[in-house]
Amino acid sequence: MTGRAFALGAACACALAIAACNKSSTSGTVSAPSTTRTTDTFSGTVAVGGAVFHSFPVTQTGATDVTLTVANPNVVLGVAIGTPGDAGCTPLAGASSNVVAGSTPQLTGLTTSGTLCVQIRDVGQAPGPVSYTVTVTHP
């Protein structure tokens, strides 16, 4: 096959492929795969000026919600999602907030698979040790 014939054949094949791509189809439906979510509940005590964390596994990319459900006494605490390491739980960029205990998620974000952690910390309002319960719902 000559170079000119090859080039012409390749050009025709590309034109047919492009024409086929421009055809739209209205049949069929596309649905996102279902994601099973797990809720982990952690409890403990944060010392004045301190921070604690709990690790949890994320099996696939999806939404992760953190809810500080109990703080006793009820003071503002910091919560964060991060990565565990030798130095504790390093918060992910934009994944921390100062919150009061409640029943709805105070921190929500998209996470990828791996081992993550939730950090609970005193932000300077604790008059003494603070007992807490936090839930993490994740894929």
N, C-alpha and C. Protein backbone atom coordinates (compact mmCIF):
# COMPACT_ATOMS: atom_id res chain seq x y z
N MET A 1 0.86 -1.17 0.00
CA MET A 1 0.00 0.00 0.00
C MET A 1 0.90 1.22 0.00
N THR A 2 0.58 2.18 -0.85
CA THR A 2 1.40 3.38 -0.92
C THR A 2 1.07 4.31 0.24
N GLY A 3 1.95 5.25 0.52
CA GLY A 3 1.74 6.19 1.61
C GLY A 3 0.49 7.02 1.41
N ARG A 4 0.21 7.40 0.13
CA ARG A 4 -0.97 8.21 -0.16
C ARG A 4 -2.25 7.41 0.08
N ALA A 5 -2.26 6.16 -0.30
CA ALA A 5 -3.44 5.32 -0.11
C ALA A 5 -3.68 5.06 1.39
N PHE A 6 -2.58 4.86 2.14
CA PHE A 6 -2.68 4.66 3.58
C PHE A 6 -3.27 5.90 4.25
N ALA A 7 -2.77 7.07 3.86
CA ALA A 7 -3.25 8.32 4.44
C ALA A 7 -4.72 8.53 4.13
N LEU A 8 -5.14 8.21 2.88
CA LEU A 8 -6.54 8.35 2.50
C LEU A 8 -7.41 7.39 3.30
N GLY A 9 -6.95 6.15 3.46
CA GLY A 9 -7.69 5.15 4.24
C GLY A 9 -7.82 5.58 5.70
N ALA A 10 -6.75 6.09 6.27
CA ALA A 10 -6.77 6.55 7.66
C ALA A 10 -7.71 7.74 7.82
N ALA A 11 -7.72 8.64 6.84
CA ALA A 11 -8.60 9.81 6.91
C ALA A 11 -10.05 9.38 6.84
N CYS A 12 -10.38 8.41 5.99
CA CYS A 12 -11.76 7.92 5.89
C CYS A 12 -12.19 7.24 7.20
N ALA A 13 -11.28 6.44 7.78
CA ALA A 13 -11.60 5.76 9.03
C ALA A 13 -11.87 6.78 10.13
N CYS A 14 -11.06 7.83 10.19
CA CYS A 14 -11.26 8.88 11.20
C CYS A 14 -12.59 9.60 10.98
N ALA A 15 -12.91 9.90 9.73
CA ALA A 15 -14.16 10.59 9.44
C ALA A 15 -15.36 9.74 9.86
N LEU A 16 -15.30 8.43 9.59
CA LEU A 16 -16.39 7.55 10.00
C LEU A 16 -16.50 7.48 11.51
N ALA A 17 -15.37 7.41 12.20
CA ALA A 17 -15.39 7.35 13.66
C ALA A 17 -15.98 8.62 14.25
N ILE A 18 -15.62 9.76 13.69
CA ILE A 18 -16.13 11.03 14.19
C ILE A 18 -17.63 11.12 13.93
N ALA A 19 -18.08 10.68 12.76
CA ALA A 19 -19.50 10.72 12.43
C ALA A 19 -20.29 9.82 13.38
N ALA A 20 -19.73 8.67 13.69
CA ALA A 20 -20.41 7.76 14.61
C ALA A 20 -20.51 8.36 16.01
N CYS A 21 -19.49 9.11 16.42
CA CYS A 21 -19.49 9.72 17.75
C CYS A 21 -20.53 10.83 17.87
N ASN A 22 -20.88 11.45 16.74
CA ASN A 22 -21.82 12.55 16.79
C ASN A 22 -23.27 12.09 16.84
N LYS A 23 -23.50 10.81 16.70
CA LYS A 23 -24.87 10.29 16.79
C LYS A 23 -25.27 10.25 18.25
N SER A 24 -26.41 10.78 18.57
CA SER A 24 -26.87 10.73 19.96
C SER A 24 -27.91 9.63 20.09
N SER A 25 -27.96 9.08 21.26
CA SER A 25 -28.91 8.02 21.53
C SER A 25 -29.73 8.40 22.75
N THR A 26 -31.03 8.17 22.66
CA THR A 26 -31.88 8.48 23.80
C THR A 26 -32.34 7.22 24.51
N SER A 27 -31.89 6.07 24.00
CA SER A 27 -32.33 4.83 24.65
C SER A 27 -31.37 4.46 25.76
N GLY A 28 -31.89 3.74 26.75
CA GLY A 28 -31.06 3.29 27.86
C GLY A 28 -30.95 4.35 28.94
N THR A 29 -30.57 3.91 30.10
CA THR A 29 -30.37 4.84 31.21
C THR A 29 -29.01 4.58 31.83
N VAL A 30 -28.46 5.60 32.38
CA VAL A 30 -27.19 5.49 33.07
C VAL A 30 -27.46 5.81 34.54
N SER A 31 -27.02 4.93 35.40
CA SER A 31 -27.20 5.19 36.83
C SER A 31 -25.87 5.00 37.54
N ALA A 32 -25.69 5.79 38.55
CA ALA A 32 -24.46 5.70 39.34
C ALA A 32 -24.51 4.42 40.18
N PRO A 33 -23.34 3.79 40.34
CA PRO A 33 -23.33 2.59 41.18
C PRO A 33 -23.67 2.95 42.62
N SER A 34 -24.38 2.06 43.28
CA SER A 34 -24.74 2.36 44.67
C SER A 34 -23.51 2.23 45.56
N THR A 35 -23.46 3.06 46.56
CA THR A 35 -22.36 3.06 47.50
C THR A 35 -22.89 2.69 48.87
N THR A 36 -22.32 1.65 49.43
CA THR A 36 -22.68 1.27 50.79
C THR A 36 -21.92 2.18 51.74
N ARG A 37 -22.64 2.79 52.66
CA ARG A 37 -22.00 3.70 53.62
C ARG A 37 -22.00 3.05 55.00
N THR A 38 -20.94 3.30 55.72
CA THR A 38 -20.75 2.75 57.06
C THR A 38 -20.70 3.91 58.05
N THR A 39 -21.30 3.73 59.21
CA THR A 39 -21.22 4.74 60.26
C THR A 39 -20.40 4.19 61.41
N ASP A 40 -19.32 4.88 61.74
CA ASP A 40 -18.47 4.55 62.89
C ASP A 40 -18.76 5.56 63.98
N THR A 41 -18.86 5.09 65.21
CA THR A 41 -19.09 5.97 66.36
C THR A 41 -17.89 5.86 67.29
N PHE A 42 -17.34 7.02 67.64
CA PHE A 42 -16.17 7.09 68.52
C PHE A 42 -16.51 7.97 69.72
N SER A 43 -16.03 7.58 70.90
CA SER A 43 -16.21 8.38 72.12
C SER A 43 -14.89 8.48 72.84
N GLY A 44 -14.76 9.53 73.63
CA GLY A 44 -13.54 9.72 74.40
C GLY A 44 -13.58 11.02 75.17
N THR A 45 -12.39 11.47 75.56
CA THR A 45 -12.26 12.71 76.32
C THR A 45 -11.12 13.53 75.75
N VAL A 46 -11.37 14.82 75.57
CA VAL A 46 -10.34 15.75 75.10
C VAL A 46 -9.89 16.58 76.31
N ALA A 47 -8.59 16.63 76.53
CA ALA A 47 -8.04 17.45 77.62
C ALA A 47 -8.02 18.92 77.20
N VAL A 48 -7.95 19.80 78.17
CA VAL A 48 -7.83 21.23 77.88
C VAL A 48 -6.59 21.44 77.02
N GLY A 49 -6.79 22.10 75.87
CA GLY A 49 -5.69 22.37 74.95
C GLY A 49 -5.24 21.15 74.16
N GLY A 50 -5.94 20.04 74.29
CA GLY A 50 -5.51 18.80 73.65
C GLY A 50 -6.27 18.46 72.39
N ALA A 51 -5.84 17.35 71.79
CA ALA A 51 -6.49 16.81 70.60
C ALA A 51 -6.38 15.30 70.63
N VAL A 52 -7.39 14.63 70.13
CA VAL A 52 -7.39 13.18 70.01
C VAL A 52 -7.90 12.83 68.62
N PHE A 53 -7.61 11.60 68.18
CA PHE A 53 -8.13 11.20 66.88
C PHE A 53 -8.45 9.71 66.87
N HIS A 54 -9.28 9.34 65.89
CA HIS A 54 -9.68 7.95 65.67
C HIS A 54 -9.55 7.68 64.18
N SER A 55 -8.97 6.54 63.82
CA SER A 55 -8.81 6.16 62.41
C SER A 55 -9.99 5.33 61.94
N PHE A 56 -10.26 5.42 60.62
CA PHE A 56 -11.33 4.63 60.01
C PHE A 56 -10.98 4.35 58.55
N PRO A 57 -11.43 3.20 58.03
CA PRO A 57 -11.13 2.87 56.63
C PRO A 57 -12.20 3.40 55.68
N VAL A 58 -11.76 3.92 54.54
CA VAL A 58 -12.67 4.33 53.47
C VAL A 58 -12.40 3.38 52.30
N THR A 59 -13.43 2.68 51.83
CA THR A 59 -13.24 1.64 50.82
C THR A 59 -13.33 2.13 49.39
N GLN A 60 -13.95 3.30 49.17
CA GLN A 60 -14.04 3.86 47.83
C GLN A 60 -14.34 5.34 47.92
N THR A 61 -14.19 6.03 46.81
CA THR A 61 -14.46 7.46 46.78
C THR A 61 -15.95 7.72 47.05
N GLY A 62 -16.21 8.72 47.86
CA GLY A 62 -17.60 9.08 48.16
C GLY A 62 -17.67 10.13 49.25
N ALA A 63 -18.88 10.48 49.62
CA ALA A 63 -19.10 11.51 50.63
C ALA A 63 -18.85 10.96 52.03
N THR A 64 -18.16 11.75 52.83
CA THR A 64 -17.92 11.42 54.23
C THR A 64 -18.50 12.55 55.08
N ASP A 65 -19.29 12.16 56.09
CA ASP A 65 -19.93 13.13 56.98
C ASP A 65 -19.42 12.92 58.40
N VAL A 66 -19.14 14.03 59.10
CA VAL A 66 -18.72 13.98 60.50
C VAL A 66 -19.75 14.75 61.32
N THR A 67 -20.21 14.09 62.39
CA THR A 67 -21.18 14.73 63.28
C THR A 67 -20.71 14.59 64.72
N LEU A 68 -20.43 15.72 65.35
CA LEU A 68 -20.15 15.73 66.78
C LEU A 68 -21.51 15.68 67.46
N THR A 69 -21.86 14.53 68.03
CA THR A 69 -23.21 14.37 68.58
C THR A 69 -23.30 14.73 70.06
N VAL A 70 -22.18 14.60 70.79
CA VAL A 70 -22.17 14.90 72.22
C VAL A 70 -20.88 15.60 72.57
N ALA A 71 -20.98 16.65 73.37
CA ALA A 71 -19.82 17.30 74.00
C ALA A 71 -20.29 17.69 75.41
N ASN A 72 -19.60 17.17 76.41
CA ASN A 72 -20.02 17.44 77.78
C ASN A 72 -18.82 17.89 78.60
N PRO A 73 -18.77 19.18 78.98
CA PRO A 73 -19.78 20.21 78.81
C PRO A 73 -19.89 20.62 77.33
N ASN A 74 -21.03 21.20 76.99
CA ASN A 74 -21.31 21.56 75.60
C ASN A 74 -20.57 22.85 75.23
N VAL A 75 -19.36 22.68 74.71
CA VAL A 75 -18.53 23.80 74.27
C VAL A 75 -18.17 23.59 72.81
N VAL A 76 -17.65 24.63 72.18
CA VAL A 76 -17.18 24.52 70.80
C VAL A 76 -15.92 23.67 70.77
N LEU A 77 -15.92 22.67 69.89
CA LEU A 77 -14.74 21.82 69.67
C LEU A 77 -14.37 21.88 68.20
N GLY A 78 -13.12 21.63 67.90
CA GLY A 78 -12.68 21.52 66.52
C GLY A 78 -12.80 20.08 66.06
N VAL A 79 -13.31 19.87 64.86
CA VAL A 79 -13.33 18.55 64.25
C VAL A 79 -12.67 18.66 62.89
N ALA A 80 -12.01 17.58 62.49
CA ALA A 80 -11.33 17.57 61.20
C ALA A 80 -11.26 16.15 60.67
N ILE A 81 -11.18 16.03 59.36
CA ILE A 81 -10.87 14.77 58.69
C ILE A 81 -9.45 14.90 58.18
N GLY A 82 -8.66 13.86 58.40
CA GLY A 82 -7.27 13.93 57.98
C GLY A 82 -6.67 12.57 57.72
N THR A 83 -5.34 12.56 57.69
CA THR A 83 -4.60 11.32 57.50
C THR A 83 -3.79 11.04 58.76
N PRO A 84 -3.87 9.79 59.25
CA PRO A 84 -3.13 9.45 60.46
C PRO A 84 -1.65 9.24 60.17
N GLY A 85 -0.83 9.58 61.15
CA GLY A 85 0.61 9.40 61.02
C GLY A 85 1.26 9.43 62.38
N ASP A 86 2.59 9.43 62.38
CA ASP A 86 3.34 9.43 63.64
C ASP A 86 3.04 10.67 64.48
N ALA A 87 2.72 11.79 63.82
CA ALA A 87 2.48 13.04 64.55
C ALA A 87 1.00 13.22 64.91
N GLY A 88 0.19 12.19 64.70
CA GLY A 88 -1.24 12.30 65.00
C GLY A 88 -2.07 12.31 63.74
N CYS A 89 -3.10 13.10 63.73
CA CYS A 89 -4.02 13.21 62.59
C CYS A 89 -3.77 14.56 61.91
N THR A 90 -3.26 14.52 60.69
CA THR A 90 -2.99 15.75 59.95
C THR A 90 -4.23 16.10 59.13
N PRO A 91 -4.92 17.20 59.47
CA PRO A 91 -6.15 17.54 58.74
C PRO A 91 -5.90 17.78 57.25
N LEU A 92 -6.86 17.34 56.43
CA LEU A 92 -6.81 17.62 55.00
C LEU A 92 -7.18 19.09 54.78
N ALA A 93 -6.69 19.67 53.72
CA ALA A 93 -6.98 21.08 53.42
C ALA A 93 -8.48 21.29 53.31
N GLY A 94 -9.01 22.25 54.05
CA GLY A 94 -10.42 22.59 54.00
C GLY A 94 -11.33 21.61 54.72
N ALA A 95 -10.75 20.67 55.46
CA ALA A 95 -11.57 19.62 56.10
C ALA A 95 -11.59 19.75 57.61
N SER A 96 -11.76 20.97 58.11
CA SER A 96 -11.86 21.16 59.56
C SER A 96 -12.84 22.29 59.84
N SER A 97 -13.43 22.22 61.03
CA SER A 97 -14.41 23.23 61.41
C SER A 97 -14.54 23.25 62.93
N ASN A 98 -14.87 24.40 63.48
CA ASN A 98 -15.18 24.53 64.91
C ASN A 98 -16.69 24.43 65.05
N VAL A 99 -17.15 23.49 65.89
CA VAL A 99 -18.58 23.18 65.94
C VAL A 99 -19.07 22.98 67.37
N VAL A 100 -20.38 23.04 67.52
CA VAL A 100 -21.03 22.61 68.76
C VAL A 100 -21.75 21.30 68.44
N ALA A 101 -21.96 20.48 69.45
CA ALA A 101 -22.62 19.19 69.24
C ALA A 101 -24.01 19.39 68.68
N GLY A 102 -24.40 18.48 67.80
CA GLY A 102 -25.72 18.54 67.17
C GLY A 102 -26.07 17.21 66.54
N SER A 103 -27.17 17.18 65.82
CA SER A 103 -27.64 15.93 65.23
C SER A 103 -27.44 15.85 63.72
N THR A 104 -27.01 16.95 63.10
CA THR A 104 -26.76 16.94 61.66
C THR A 104 -25.26 17.08 61.41
N PRO A 105 -24.78 16.54 60.28
CA PRO A 105 -23.33 16.62 60.00
C PRO A 105 -22.83 18.06 60.00
N GLN A 106 -21.71 18.26 60.69
CA GLN A 106 -21.10 19.59 60.72
C GLN A 106 -19.94 19.70 59.72
N LEU A 107 -19.51 18.56 59.22
CA LEU A 107 -18.39 18.54 58.28
C LEU A 107 -18.69 17.47 57.24
N THR A 108 -18.70 17.85 55.98
CA THR A 108 -18.98 16.93 54.88
C THR A 108 -17.99 17.18 53.77
N GLY A 109 -17.50 16.09 53.17
CA GLY A 109 -16.57 16.24 52.07
C GLY A 109 -16.41 14.95 51.29
N LEU A 110 -15.81 15.06 50.13
CA LEU A 110 -15.54 13.92 49.26
C LEU A 110 -14.19 13.34 49.66
N THR A 111 -14.17 12.04 49.96
CA THR A 111 -12.92 11.38 50.33
C THR A 111 -12.66 10.22 49.38
N THR A 112 -11.40 9.84 49.28
CA THR A 112 -11.00 8.71 48.45
C THR A 112 -10.62 7.54 49.35
N SER A 113 -10.45 6.38 48.76
CA SER A 113 -10.17 5.19 49.56
C SER A 113 -8.83 5.30 50.28
N GLY A 114 -8.78 4.68 51.45
CA GLY A 114 -7.58 4.68 52.27
C GLY A 114 -7.95 4.77 53.73
N THR A 115 -6.95 4.90 54.57
CA THR A 115 -7.20 5.06 56.00
C THR A 115 -7.18 6.55 56.32
N LEU A 116 -8.27 7.03 56.89
CA LEU A 116 -8.38 8.42 57.29
C LEU A 116 -8.59 8.49 58.79
N CYS A 117 -8.65 9.70 59.32
CA CYS A 117 -8.89 9.87 60.75
C CYS A 117 -9.81 11.06 60.97
N VAL A 118 -10.48 11.02 62.11
CA VAL A 118 -11.27 12.16 62.55
C VAL A 118 -10.58 12.69 63.80
N GLN A 119 -10.34 13.99 63.81
CA GLN A 119 -9.67 14.63 64.94
C GLN A 119 -10.69 15.48 65.70
N ILE A 120 -10.61 15.42 67.01
CA ILE A 120 -11.43 16.26 67.89
C ILE A 120 -10.46 17.03 68.76
N ARG A 121 -10.60 18.35 68.85
CA ARG A 121 -9.63 19.16 69.60
C ARG A 121 -10.30 20.29 70.35
N ASP A 122 -9.67 20.68 71.44
CA ASP A 122 -10.10 21.85 72.20
C ASP A 122 -9.64 23.08 71.43
N VAL A 123 -10.53 24.05 71.26
CA VAL A 123 -10.19 25.28 70.56
C VAL A 123 -10.06 26.45 71.53
N GLY A 124 -9.89 26.13 72.83
CA GLY A 124 -9.69 27.17 73.82
C GLY A 124 -10.90 27.50 74.66
N GLN A 125 -11.97 26.74 74.52
CA GLN A 125 -13.18 27.03 75.30
C GLN A 125 -13.45 26.02 76.41
N ALA A 126 -12.70 24.95 76.44
CA ALA A 126 -12.96 23.90 77.44
C ALA A 126 -12.53 24.35 78.83
N PRO A 127 -13.44 24.30 79.81
CA PRO A 127 -13.08 24.67 81.18
C PRO A 127 -12.37 23.52 81.90
N GLY A 128 -12.42 22.36 81.31
CA GLY A 128 -11.81 21.14 81.84
C GLY A 128 -11.93 20.07 80.78
N PRO A 129 -11.65 18.82 81.10
CA PRO A 129 -11.78 17.75 80.11
C PRO A 129 -13.21 17.71 79.53
N VAL A 130 -13.31 17.42 78.24
CA VAL A 130 -14.61 17.36 77.56
C VAL A 130 -14.83 15.94 77.04
N SER A 131 -15.91 15.32 77.49
CA SER A 131 -16.33 14.02 76.95
C SER A 131 -17.06 14.27 75.63
N TYR A 132 -16.83 13.40 74.65
CA TYR A 132 -17.45 13.61 73.33
C TYR A 132 -17.87 12.27 72.73
N THR A 133 -18.77 12.36 71.78
CA THR A 133 -19.12 11.27 70.88
C THR A 133 -19.20 11.89 69.48
N VAL A 134 -18.57 11.23 68.54
CA VAL A 134 -18.57 11.71 67.16
C VAL A 134 -18.88 10.53 66.25
N THR A 135 -19.70 10.78 65.22
CA THR A 135 -19.97 9.74 64.23
C THR A 135 -19.36 10.15 62.90
N VAL A 136 -18.88 9.15 62.18
CA VAL A 136 -18.31 9.35 60.86
C VAL A 136 -19.03 8.39 59.92
N THR A 137 -19.72 8.91 58.94
CA THR A 137 -20.40 8.10 57.93
C THR A 137 -19.62 8.22 56.64
N HIS A 138 -19.20 7.09 56.10
CA HIS A 138 -18.30 7.10 54.95
C HIS A 138 -18.53 5.90 54.06
N PRO A 139 -17.99 5.95 52.81
CA PRO A 139 -18.11 4.80 51.91
C PRO A 139 -17.18 3.67 52.34
